[in-house]
Amino acid sequence: FLTIWGIYRFQVGPLATNPASHIHVQRLAAKTGPLAPV
């Protein structure tokens, strides 16, 4: 895992690749209630 992450410069970023996907992820997260921000 550390090797793969190091190859990717230890970058972090969103799982969604476009705005529509990000909105879909937001809707799924909203279903978790108080854990949605996390």
PDB file of all heavy atoms in Angstrom:
ATOM      1  N   PHE A   1       0.829  -1.206   0.000  1.00  0.00           N
ATOM      2  CA  PHE A   1       0.000   0.000   0.000  1.00  0.00           C
ATOM      3  C   PHE A   1       0.864   1.257   0.000  1.00  0.00           C
ATOM      4  O   PHE A   1       0.621   2.202  -0.772  1.00  0.00           O
ATOM      5  CB  PHE A   1      -0.925  -0.007   1.215  1.00  0.00           C
ATOM      6  CG  PHE A   1      -1.572   1.319   1.500  1.00  0.00           C
ATOM      7  CD1 PHE A   1      -2.609   1.774   0.697  1.00  0.00           C
ATOM      8  CD2 PHE A   1      -1.138   2.117   2.549  1.00  0.00           C
ATOM      9  CE1 PHE A   1      -3.195   3.009   0.946  1.00  0.00           C
ATOM     10  CE2 PHE A   1      -1.716   3.349   2.799  1.00  0.00           C
ATOM     11  CZ  PHE A   1      -2.753   3.798   2.007  1.00  0.00           C
ATOM     12  N   LEU A   2       1.895   1.283   0.846  1.00  0.00           N
ATOM     13  CA  LEU A   2       2.765   2.464   0.905  1.00  0.00           C
ATOM     14  C   LEU A   2       3.536   2.648  -0.393  1.00  0.00           C
ATOM     15  O   LEU A   2       3.787   3.783  -0.814  1.00  0.00           O
ATOM     16  CB  LEU A   2       3.734   2.324   2.083  1.00  0.00           C
ATOM     17  CG  LEU A   2       3.111   2.392   3.479  1.00  0.00           C
ATOM     18  CD1 LEU A   2       4.157   2.130   4.553  1.00  0.00           C
ATOM     19  CD2 LEU A   2       2.452   3.757   3.707  1.00  0.00           C
ATOM     20  N   THR A   3       3.905   1.539  -1.034  1.00  0.00           N
ATOM     21  CA  THR A   3       4.610   1.640  -2.319  1.00  0.00           C
ATOM     22  C   THR A   3       3.708   2.252  -3.375  1.00  0.00           C
ATOM     23  O   THR A   3       4.114   3.166  -4.110  1.00  0.00           O
ATOM     24  CB  THR A   3       5.095   0.254  -2.774  1.00  0.00           C
ATOM     25  OG1 THR A   3       5.973  -0.291  -1.784  1.00  0.00           O
ATOM     26  CG2 THR A   3       5.835   0.345  -4.105  1.00  0.00           C
ATOM     27  N   ILE A   4       2.473   1.759  -3.470  1.00  0.00           N
ATOM     28  CA  ILE A   4       1.540   2.313  -4.459  1.00  0.00           C
ATOM     29  C   ILE A   4       1.270   3.782  -4.159  1.00  0.00           C
ATOM     30  O   ILE A   4       1.288   4.630  -5.070  1.00  0.00           O
ATOM     31  CB  ILE A   4       0.226   1.506  -4.463  1.00  0.00           C
ATOM     32  CG1 ILE A   4       0.472   0.078  -4.938  1.00  0.00           C
ATOM     33  CG2 ILE A   4      -0.825   2.184  -5.341  1.00  0.00           C
ATOM     34  CD1 ILE A   4      -0.738  -0.827  -4.825  1.00  0.00           C
ATOM     35  N   TRP A   5       1.042   4.087  -2.897  1.00  0.00           N
ATOM     36  CA  TRP A   5       0.767   5.475  -2.521  1.00  0.00           C
ATOM     37  C   TRP A   5       1.982   6.358  -2.809  1.00  0.00           C
ATOM     38  O   TRP A   5       1.842   7.494  -3.279  1.00  0.00           O
ATOM     39  CB  TRP A   5       0.384   5.536  -1.041  1.00  0.00           C
ATOM     40  CG  TRP A   5      -0.258   6.839  -0.634  1.00  0.00           C
ATOM     41  CD1 TRP A   5      -0.733   7.822  -1.468  1.00  0.00           C
ATOM     42  CD2 TRP A   5      -0.506   7.290   0.692  1.00  0.00           C
ATOM     43  NE1 TRP A   5      -1.257   8.850  -0.737  1.00  0.00           N
ATOM     44  CE2 TRP A   5      -1.133   8.552   0.597  1.00  0.00           C
ATOM     45  CE3 TRP A   5      -0.267   6.735   1.954  1.00  0.00           C
ATOM     46  CZ2 TRP A   5      -1.509   9.288   1.719  1.00  0.00           C
ATOM     47  CZ3 TRP A   5      -0.644   7.465   3.073  1.00  0.00           C
ATOM     48  CH2 TRP A   5      -1.260   8.718   2.956  1.00  0.00           C
ATOM     49  N   GLY A   6       3.178   5.843  -2.553  1.00  0.00           N
ATOM     50  CA  GLY A   6       4.390   6.608  -2.846  1.00  0.00           C
ATOM     51  C   GLY A   6       4.561   6.845  -4.338  1.00  0.00           C
ATOM     52  O   GLY A   6       4.993   7.921  -4.762  1.00  0.00           O
ATOM     53  N   ILE A   7       4.229   5.848  -5.153  1.00  0.00           N
ATOM     54  CA  ILE A   7       4.295   6.017  -6.608  1.00  0.00           C
ATOM     55  C   ILE A   7       3.365   7.142  -7.041  1.00  0.00           C
ATOM     56  O   ILE A   7       3.669   7.889  -7.983  1.00  0.00           O
ATOM     57  CB  ILE A   7       3.933   4.696  -7.303  1.00  0.00           C
ATOM     58  CG1 ILE A   7       5.069   3.683  -7.112  1.00  0.00           C
ATOM     59  CG2 ILE A   7       3.634   4.897  -8.781  1.00  0.00           C
ATOM     60  CD1 ILE A   7       4.728   2.287  -7.552  1.00  0.00           C
ATOM     61  N   TYR A   8       2.248   7.300  -6.333  1.00  0.00           N
ATOM     62  CA  TYR A   8       1.308   8.382  -6.619  1.00  0.00           C
ATOM     63  C   TYR A   8       1.596   9.632  -5.786  1.00  0.00           C
ATOM     64  O   TYR A   8       0.688  10.416  -5.521  1.00  0.00           O
ATOM     65  CB  TYR A   8      -0.124   7.904  -6.386  1.00  0.00           C
ATOM     66  CG  TYR A   8      -0.669   7.071  -7.522  1.00  0.00           C
ATOM     67  CD1 TYR A   8      -0.429   5.703  -7.579  1.00  0.00           C
ATOM     68  CD2 TYR A   8      -1.397   7.651  -8.549  1.00  0.00           C
ATOM     69  CE1 TYR A   8      -0.920   4.936  -8.630  1.00  0.00           C
ATOM     70  CE2 TYR A   8      -1.897   6.891  -9.602  1.00  0.00           C
ATOM     71  CZ  TYR A   8      -1.642   5.533  -9.637  1.00  0.00           C
ATOM     72  OH  TYR A   8      -2.119   4.783 -10.677  1.00  0.00           O
ATOM     73  N   ARG A   9       2.870   9.800  -5.373  1.00  0.00           N
ATOM     74  CA  ARG A   9       3.342  10.990  -4.655  1.00  0.00           C
ATOM     75  C   ARG A   9       2.594  11.228  -3.338  1.00  0.00           C
ATOM     76  O   ARG A   9       2.478  12.372  -2.893  1.00  0.00           O
ATOM     77  CB  ARG A   9       3.202  12.235  -5.543  1.00  0.00           C
ATOM     78  CG  ARG A   9       4.147  12.276  -6.732  1.00  0.00           C
ATOM     79  CD  ARG A   9       3.899  13.526  -7.553  1.00  0.00           C
ATOM     80  NE  ARG A   9       4.865  13.649  -8.622  1.00  0.00           N
ATOM     81  CZ  ARG A   9       6.014  14.320  -8.540  1.00  0.00           C
ATOM     82  NH1 ARG A   9       6.332  14.924  -7.411  1.00  0.00           N
ATOM     83  NH2 ARG A   9       6.820  14.386  -9.578  1.00  0.00           N
ATOM     84  N   PHE A  10       2.084  10.199  -2.727  1.00  0.00           N
ATOM     85  CA  PHE A  10       1.339  10.290  -1.468  1.00  0.00           C
ATOM     86  C   PHE A  10       0.196  11.303  -1.577  1.00  0.00           C
ATOM     87  O   PHE A  10      -0.152  11.977  -0.604  1.00  0.00           O
ATOM     88  CB  PHE A  10       2.269  10.655  -0.302  1.00  0.00           C
ATOM     89  CG  PHE A  10       3.282   9.593  -0.010  1.00  0.00           C
ATOM     90  CD1 PHE A  10       4.607   9.753  -0.411  1.00  0.00           C
ATOM     91  CD2 PHE A  10       2.919   8.419   0.634  1.00  0.00           C
ATOM     92  CE1 PHE A  10       5.550   8.762  -0.153  1.00  0.00           C
ATOM     93  CE2 PHE A  10       3.860   7.424   0.893  1.00  0.00           C
ATOM     94  CZ  PHE A  10       5.180   7.598   0.492  1.00  0.00           C
ATOM     95  N   GLN A  11      -0.402  11.378  -2.757  1.00  0.00           N
ATOM     96  CA  GLN A  11      -1.515  12.296  -2.973  1.00  0.00           C
ATOM     97  C   GLN A  11      -2.805  11.717  -2.413  1.00  0.00           C
ATOM     98  O   GLN A  11      -2.991  10.511  -2.340  1.00  0.00           O
ATOM     99  CB  GLN A  11      -1.682  12.592  -4.470  1.00  0.00           C
ATOM    100  CG  GLN A  11      -0.538  13.379  -5.079  1.00  0.00           C
ATOM    101  CD  GLN A  11      -0.735  13.588  -6.567  1.00  0.00           C
ATOM    102  OE1 GLN A  11      -1.609  12.993  -7.194  1.00  0.00           O
ATOM    103  NE2 GLN A  11       0.080  14.446  -7.165  1.00  0.00           N
ATOM    104  N   VAL A  12      -3.712  12.591  -2.036  1.00  0.00           N
ATOM    105  CA  VAL A  12      -5.070  12.217  -1.649  1.00  0.00           C
ATOM    106  C   VAL A  12      -6.020  13.058  -2.488  1.00  0.00           C
ATOM    107  O   VAL A  12      -5.700  14.182  -2.884  1.00  0.00           O
ATOM    108  CB  VAL A  12      -5.345  12.431  -0.151  1.00  0.00           C
ATOM    109  CG1 VAL A  12      -4.484  11.516   0.696  1.00  0.00           C
ATOM    110  CG2 VAL A  12      -5.100  13.885   0.244  1.00  0.00           C
ATOM    111  N   GLY A  13      -7.195  12.517  -2.767  1.00  0.00           N
ATOM    112  CA  GLY A  13      -8.143  13.242  -3.594  1.00  0.00           C
ATOM    113  C   GLY A  13      -9.491  12.560  -3.602  1.00  0.00           C
ATOM    114  O   GLY A  13      -9.692  11.527  -2.954  1.00  0.00           O
ATOM    115  N   PRO A  14     -10.441  13.110  -4.348  1.00  0.00           N
ATOM    116  CA  PRO A  14     -11.811  12.574  -4.354  1.00  0.00           C
ATOM    117  C   PRO A  14     -11.918  11.297  -5.171  1.00  0.00           C
ATOM    118  O   PRO A  14     -11.214  11.110  -6.161  1.00  0.00           O
ATOM    119  CB  PRO A  14     -12.617  13.709  -4.999  1.00  0.00           C
ATOM    120  CG  PRO A  14     -11.635  14.397  -5.894  1.00  0.00           C
ATOM    121  CD  PRO A  14     -10.307  14.314  -5.192  1.00  0.00           C
ATOM    122  N   LEU A  15     -12.822  10.450  -4.731  1.00  0.00           N
ATOM    123  CA  LEU A  15     -13.075   9.213  -5.464  1.00  0.00           C
ATOM    124  C   LEU A  15     -13.877   9.484  -6.731  1.00  0.00           C
ATOM    125  O   LEU A  15     -13.687   8.821  -7.745  1.00  0.00           O
ATOM    126  CB  LEU A  15     -13.833   8.231  -4.569  1.00  0.00           C
ATOM    127  CG  LEU A  15     -14.042   6.813  -5.104  1.00  0.00           C
ATOM    128  CD1 LEU A  15     -12.699   6.141  -5.356  1.00  0.00           C
ATOM    129  CD2 LEU A  15     -14.859   5.993  -4.121  1.00  0.00           C
ATOM    130  N   ALA A  16     -14.776  10.474  -6.690  1.00  0.00           N
ATOM    131  CA  ALA A  16     -15.607  10.812  -7.849  1.00  0.00           C
ATOM    132  C   ALA A  16     -14.753  11.474  -8.922  1.00  0.00           C
ATOM    133  O   ALA A  16     -13.887  12.305  -8.624  1.00  0.00           O
ATOM    134  CB  ALA A  16     -16.738  11.742  -7.432  1.00  0.00           C
ATOM    135  N   THR A  17     -15.005  11.117 -10.171  1.00  0.00           N
ATOM    136  CA  THR A  17     -14.195  11.642 -11.273  1.00  0.00           C
ATOM    137  C   THR A  17     -14.856  12.817 -11.994  1.00  0.00           C
ATOM    138  O   THR A  17     -14.217  13.460 -12.817  1.00  0.00           O
ATOM    139  CB  THR A  17     -13.934  10.525 -12.301  1.00  0.00           C
ATOM    140  OG1 THR A  17     -15.194   9.978 -12.715  1.00  0.00           O
ATOM    141  CG2 THR A  17     -13.074   9.424 -11.697  1.00  0.00           C
ATOM    142  N   ASN A  18     -16.121  13.101 -11.699  1.00  0.00           N
ATOM    143  CA  ASN A  18     -16.805  14.223 -12.352  1.00  0.00           C
ATOM    144  C   ASN A  18     -17.888  14.762 -11.420  1.00  0.00           C
ATOM    145  O   ASN A  18     -18.250  14.118 -10.423  1.00  0.00           O
ATOM    146  CB  ASN A  18     -17.404  13.785 -13.693  1.00  0.00           C
ATOM    147  CG  ASN A  18     -18.325  12.579 -13.551  1.00  0.00           C
ATOM    148  OD1 ASN A  18     -19.342  12.653 -12.860  1.00  0.00           O
ATOM    149  ND2 ASN A  18     -17.966  11.471 -14.188  1.00  0.00           N
ATOM    150  N   PRO A  19     -18.433  15.959 -11.677  1.00  0.00           N
ATOM    151  CA  PRO A  19     -19.439  16.544 -10.782  1.00  0.00           C
ATOM    152  C   PRO A  19     -20.664  15.659 -10.572  1.00  0.00           C
ATOM    153  O   PRO A  19     -21.188  15.581  -9.456  1.00  0.00           O
ATOM    154  CB  PRO A  19     -19.810  17.865 -11.496  1.00  0.00           C
ATOM    155  CG  PRO A  19     -18.607  18.200 -12.319  1.00  0.00           C
ATOM    156  CD  PRO A  19     -18.032  16.892 -12.745  1.00  0.00           C
ATOM    157  N   ALA A  20     -21.131  14.989 -11.617  1.00  0.00           N
ATOM    158  CA  ALA A  20     -22.322  14.140 -11.472  1.00  0.00           C
ATOM    159  C   ALA A  20     -22.049  12.995 -10.496  1.00  0.00           C
ATOM    160  O   ALA A  20     -22.891  12.664  -9.641  1.00  0.00           O
ATOM    161  CB  ALA A  20     -22.743  13.591 -12.829  1.00  0.00           C
ATOM    162  N   SER A  21     -20.846  12.392 -10.616  1.00  0.00           N
ATOM    163  CA  SER A  21     -20.486  11.314  -9.697  1.00  0.00           C
ATOM    164  C   SER A  21     -20.367  11.838  -8.273  1.00  0.00           C
ATOM    165  O   SER A  21     -20.742  11.160  -7.313  1.00  0.00           O
ATOM    166  CB  SER A  21     -19.169  10.670 -10.129  1.00  0.00           C
ATOM    167  OG  SER A  21     -19.286  10.106 -11.410  1.00  0.00           O
ATOM    168  N   HIS A  22     -19.850  13.057  -8.130  1.00  0.00           N
ATOM    169  CA  HIS A  22     -19.689  13.631  -6.787  1.00  0.00           C
ATOM    170  C   HIS A  22     -21.043  13.871  -6.137  1.00  0.00           C
ATOM    171  O   HIS A  22     -21.225  13.631  -4.932  1.00  0.00           O
ATOM    172  CB  HIS A  22     -18.895  14.937  -6.883  1.00  0.00           C
ATOM    173  CG  HIS A  22     -18.373  15.408  -5.569  1.00  0.00           C
ATOM    174  ND1 HIS A  22     -19.051  16.314  -4.766  1.00  0.00           N
ATOM    175  CD2 HIS A  22     -17.235  15.081  -4.886  1.00  0.00           C
ATOM    176  CE1 HIS A  22     -18.357  16.536  -3.660  1.00  0.00           C
ATOM    177  NE2 HIS A  22     -17.252  15.795  -3.711  1.00  0.00           N
ATOM    178  N   ILE A  23     -22.007  14.337  -6.921  1.00  0.00           N
ATOM    179  CA  ILE A  23     -23.357  14.540  -6.382  1.00  0.00           C
ATOM    180  C   ILE A  23     -23.956  13.209  -5.946  1.00  0.00           C
ATOM    181  O   ILE A  23     -24.617  13.113  -4.896  1.00  0.00           O
ATOM    182  CB  ILE A  23     -24.236  15.227  -7.443  1.00  0.00           C
ATOM    183  CG1 ILE A  23     -23.747  16.655  -7.681  1.00  0.00           C
ATOM    184  CG2 ILE A  23     -25.704  15.222  -7.016  1.00  0.00           C
ATOM    185  CD1 ILE A  23     -24.446  17.353  -8.838  1.00  0.00           C
ATOM    186  N   HIS A  24     -23.726  12.158  -6.740  1.00  0.00           N
ATOM    187  CA  HIS A  24     -24.234  10.824  -6.388  1.00  0.00           C
ATOM    188  C   HIS A  24     -23.620  10.354  -5.076  1.00  0.00           C
ATOM    189  O   HIS A  24     -24.320   9.792  -4.213  1.00  0.00           O
ATOM    190  CB  HIS A  24     -23.908   9.847  -7.516  1.00  0.00           C
ATOM    191  CG  HIS A  24     -24.371   8.446  -7.250  1.00  0.00           C
ATOM    192  ND1 HIS A  24     -25.702   8.102  -7.171  1.00  0.00           N
ATOM    193  CD2 HIS A  24     -23.662   7.294  -7.028  1.00  0.00           C
ATOM    194  CE1 HIS A  24     -25.815   6.811  -6.917  1.00  0.00           C
ATOM    195  NE2 HIS A  24     -24.595   6.297  -6.827  1.00  0.00           N
ATOM    196  N   VAL A  25     -22.314  10.593  -4.895  1.00  0.00           N
ATOM    197  CA  VAL A  25     -21.649  10.203  -3.645  1.00  0.00           C
ATOM    198  C   VAL A  25     -22.218  10.997  -2.478  1.00  0.00           C
ATOM    199  O   VAL A  25     -22.420  10.460  -1.377  1.00  0.00           O
ATOM    200  CB  VAL A  25     -20.125  10.406  -3.776  1.00  0.00           C
ATOM    201  CG1 VAL A  25     -19.432  10.220  -2.426  1.00  0.00           C
ATOM    202  CG2 VAL A  25     -19.534   9.435  -4.790  1.00  0.00           C
ATOM    203  N   GLN A  26     -22.492  12.273  -2.696  1.00  0.00           N
ATOM    204  CA  GLN A  26     -23.075  13.093  -1.628  1.00  0.00           C
ATOM    205  C   GLN A  26     -24.428  12.547  -1.183  1.00  0.00           C
ATOM    206  O   GLN A  26     -24.743  12.513   0.017  1.00  0.00           O
ATOM    207  CB  GLN A  26     -23.230  14.537  -2.114  1.00  0.00           C
ATOM    208  CG  GLN A  26     -21.913  15.333  -2.146  1.00  0.00           C
ATOM    209  CD  GLN A  26     -22.130  16.747  -2.615  1.00  0.00           C
ATOM    210  OE1 GLN A  26     -22.926  17.002  -3.517  1.00  0.00           O
ATOM    211  NE2 GLN A  26     -21.419  17.685  -2.013  1.00  0.00           N
ATOM    212  N   ARG A  27     -25.220  12.117  -2.142  1.00  0.00           N
ATOM    213  CA  ARG A  27     -26.542  11.564  -1.797  1.00  0.00           C
ATOM    214  C   ARG A  27     -26.403  10.269  -0.996  1.00  0.00           C
ATOM    215  O   ARG A  27     -27.163  10.029  -0.050  1.00  0.00           O
ATOM    216  CB  ARG A  27     -27.332  11.320  -3.073  1.00  0.00           C
ATOM    217  CG  ARG A  27     -27.776  12.603  -3.770  1.00  0.00           C
ATOM    218  CD  ARG A  27     -28.404  12.312  -5.112  1.00  0.00           C
ATOM    219  NE  ARG A  27     -28.861  13.529  -5.783  1.00  0.00           N
ATOM    220  CZ  ARG A  27     -29.286  13.587  -7.034  1.00  0.00           C
ATOM    221  NH1 ARG A  27     -29.320  12.454  -7.769  1.00  0.00           N
ATOM    222  NH2 ARG A  27     -29.679  14.734  -7.570  1.00  0.00           N
ATOM    223  N   LEU A  28     -25.445   9.436  -1.393  1.00  0.00           N
ATOM    224  CA  LEU A  28     -25.229   8.202  -0.636  1.00  0.00           C
ATOM    225  C   LEU A  28     -24.735   8.513   0.772  1.00  0.00           C
ATOM    226  O   LEU A  28     -25.154   7.870   1.743  1.00  0.00           O
ATOM    227  CB  LEU A  28     -24.206   7.324  -1.371  1.00  0.00           C
ATOM    228  CG  LEU A  28     -24.656   6.730  -2.704  1.00  0.00           C
ATOM    229  CD1 LEU A  28     -23.513   5.961  -3.350  1.00  0.00           C
ATOM    230  CD2 LEU A  28     -25.853   5.802  -2.498  1.00  0.00           C
ATOM    231  N   ALA A  29     -23.861   9.508   0.898  1.00  0.00           N
ATOM    232  CA  ALA A  29     -23.335   9.864   2.219  1.00  0.00           C
ATOM    233  C   ALA A  29     -24.433  10.437   3.109  1.00  0.00           C
ATOM    234  O   ALA A  29     -24.445  10.217   4.320  1.00  0.00           O
ATOM    235  CB  ALA A  29     -22.191  10.872   2.067  1.00  0.00           C
ATOM    236  N   ALA A  30     -25.367  11.165   2.481  1.00  0.00           N
ATOM    237  CA  ALA A  30     -26.442  11.771   3.271  1.00  0.00           C
ATOM    238  C   ALA A  30     -27.299  10.721   3.961  1.00  0.00           C
ATOM    239  O   ALA A  30     -27.886  10.979   5.024  1.00  0.00           O
ATOM    240  CB  ALA A  30     -27.310  12.647   2.370  1.00  0.00           C
ATOM    241  N   LYS A  31     -27.346   9.530   3.392  1.00  0.00           N
ATOM    242  CA  LYS A  31     -28.150   8.463   3.988  1.00  0.00           C
ATOM    243  C   LYS A  31     -27.531   7.929   5.278  1.00  0.00           C
ATOM    244  O   LYS A  31     -28.181   7.172   6.002  1.00  0.00           O
ATOM    245  CB  LYS A  31     -28.323   7.325   2.981  1.00  0.00           C
ATOM    246  CG  LYS A  31     -29.119   7.732   1.741  1.00  0.00           C
ATOM    247  CD  LYS A  31     -29.270   6.570   0.773  1.00  0.00           C
ATOM    248  CE  LYS A  31     -30.064   6.979  -0.463  1.00  0.00           C
ATOM    249  NZ  LYS A  31     -30.222   5.861  -1.433  1.00  0.00           N
ATOM    250  N   THR A  32     -26.289   8.285   5.561  1.00  0.00           N
ATOM    251  CA  THR A  32     -25.639   7.820   6.790  1.00  0.00           C
ATOM    252  C   THR A  32     -25.974   8.705   7.983  1.00  0.00           C
ATOM    253  O   THR A  32     -25.480   8.469   9.086  1.00  0.00           O
ATOM    254  CB  THR A  32     -24.118   7.772   6.602  1.00  0.00           C
ATOM    255  OG1 THR A  32     -23.616   9.080   6.314  1.00  0.00           O
ATOM    256  CG2 THR A  32     -23.744   6.829   5.475  1.00  0.00           C
ATOM    257  N   GLY A  33     -26.804   9.757   7.757  1.00  0.00           N
ATOM    258  CA  GLY A  33     -27.255  10.602   8.847  1.00  0.00           C
ATOM    259  C   GLY A  33     -26.144  11.455   9.443  1.00  0.00           C
ATOM    260  O   GLY A  33     -25.431  12.166   8.716  1.00  0.00           O
ATOM    261  N   PRO A  34     -25.944  11.390  10.755  1.00  0.00           N
ATOM    262  CA  PRO A  34     -24.933  12.241  11.398  1.00  0.00           C
ATOM    263  C   PRO A  34     -23.502  11.934  10.957  1.00  0.00           C
ATOM    264  O   PRO A  34     -22.605  12.746  11.156  1.00  0.00           O
ATOM    265  CB  PRO A  34     -25.120  11.934  12.887  1.00  0.00           C
ATOM    266  CG  PRO A  34     -25.811  10.611  12.935  1.00  0.00           C
ATOM    267  CD  PRO A  34     -26.674  10.564  11.726  1.00  0.00           C
ATOM    268  N   LEU A  35     -23.277  10.767  10.349  1.00  0.00           N
ATOM    269  CA  LEU A  35     -21.927  10.426   9.892  1.00  0.00           C
ATOM    270  C   LEU A  35     -21.631  10.962   8.494  1.00  0.00           C
ATOM    271  O   LEU A  35     -20.524  10.756   7.968  1.00  0.00           O
ATOM    272  CB  LEU A  35     -21.752   8.901   9.885  1.00  0.00           C
ATOM    273  CG  LEU A  35     -21.794   8.194  11.242  1.00  0.00           C
ATOM    274  CD1 LEU A  35     -21.663   6.695  11.045  1.00  0.00           C
ATOM    275  CD2 LEU A  35     -20.665   8.709  12.146  1.00  0.00           C
ATOM    276  N   ALA A  36     -22.606  11.659   7.885  1.00  0.00           N
ATOM    277  CA  ALA A  36     -22.440  12.129   6.509  1.00  0.00           C
ATOM    278  C   ALA A  36     -21.185  12.989   6.325  1.00  0.00           C
ATOM    279  O   ALA A  36     -20.428  12.775   5.367  1.00  0.00           O
ATOM    280  CB  ALA A  36     -23.684  12.886   6.060  1.00  0.00           C
ATOM    281  N   PRO A  37     -20.902  13.963   7.203  1.00  0.00           N
ATOM    282  CA  PRO A  37     -19.673  14.766   7.001  1.00  0.00           C
ATOM    283  C   PRO A  37     -18.398  13.916   7.058  1.00  0.00           C
ATOM    284  O   PRO A  37     -17.452  14.152   6.303  1.00  0.00           O
ATOM    285  CB  PRO A  37     -19.715  15.769   8.158  1.00  0.00           C
ATOM    286  CG  PRO A  37     -21.154  15.851   8.544  1.00  0.00           C
ATOM    287  CD  PRO A  37     -21.694  14.475   8.337  1.00  0.00           C
ATOM    288  N   VAL A  38     -18.400  12.921   7.942  1.00  0.00           N
ATOM    289  CA  VAL A  38     -17.223  12.059   8.055  1.00  0.00           C
ATOM    290  C   VAL A  38     -17.056  11.219   6.791  1.00  0.00           C
ATOM    291  O   VAL A  38     -15.956  11.078   6.258  1.00  0.00           O
ATOM    292  CB  VAL A  38     -17.337  11.153   9.297  1.00  0.00           C
ATOM    293  CG1 VAL A  38     -16.144  10.202   9.383  1.00  0.00           C
ATOM    294  CG2 VAL A  38     -17.447  11.997  10.557  1.00  0.00           C
TER     295      VAL A  38
END
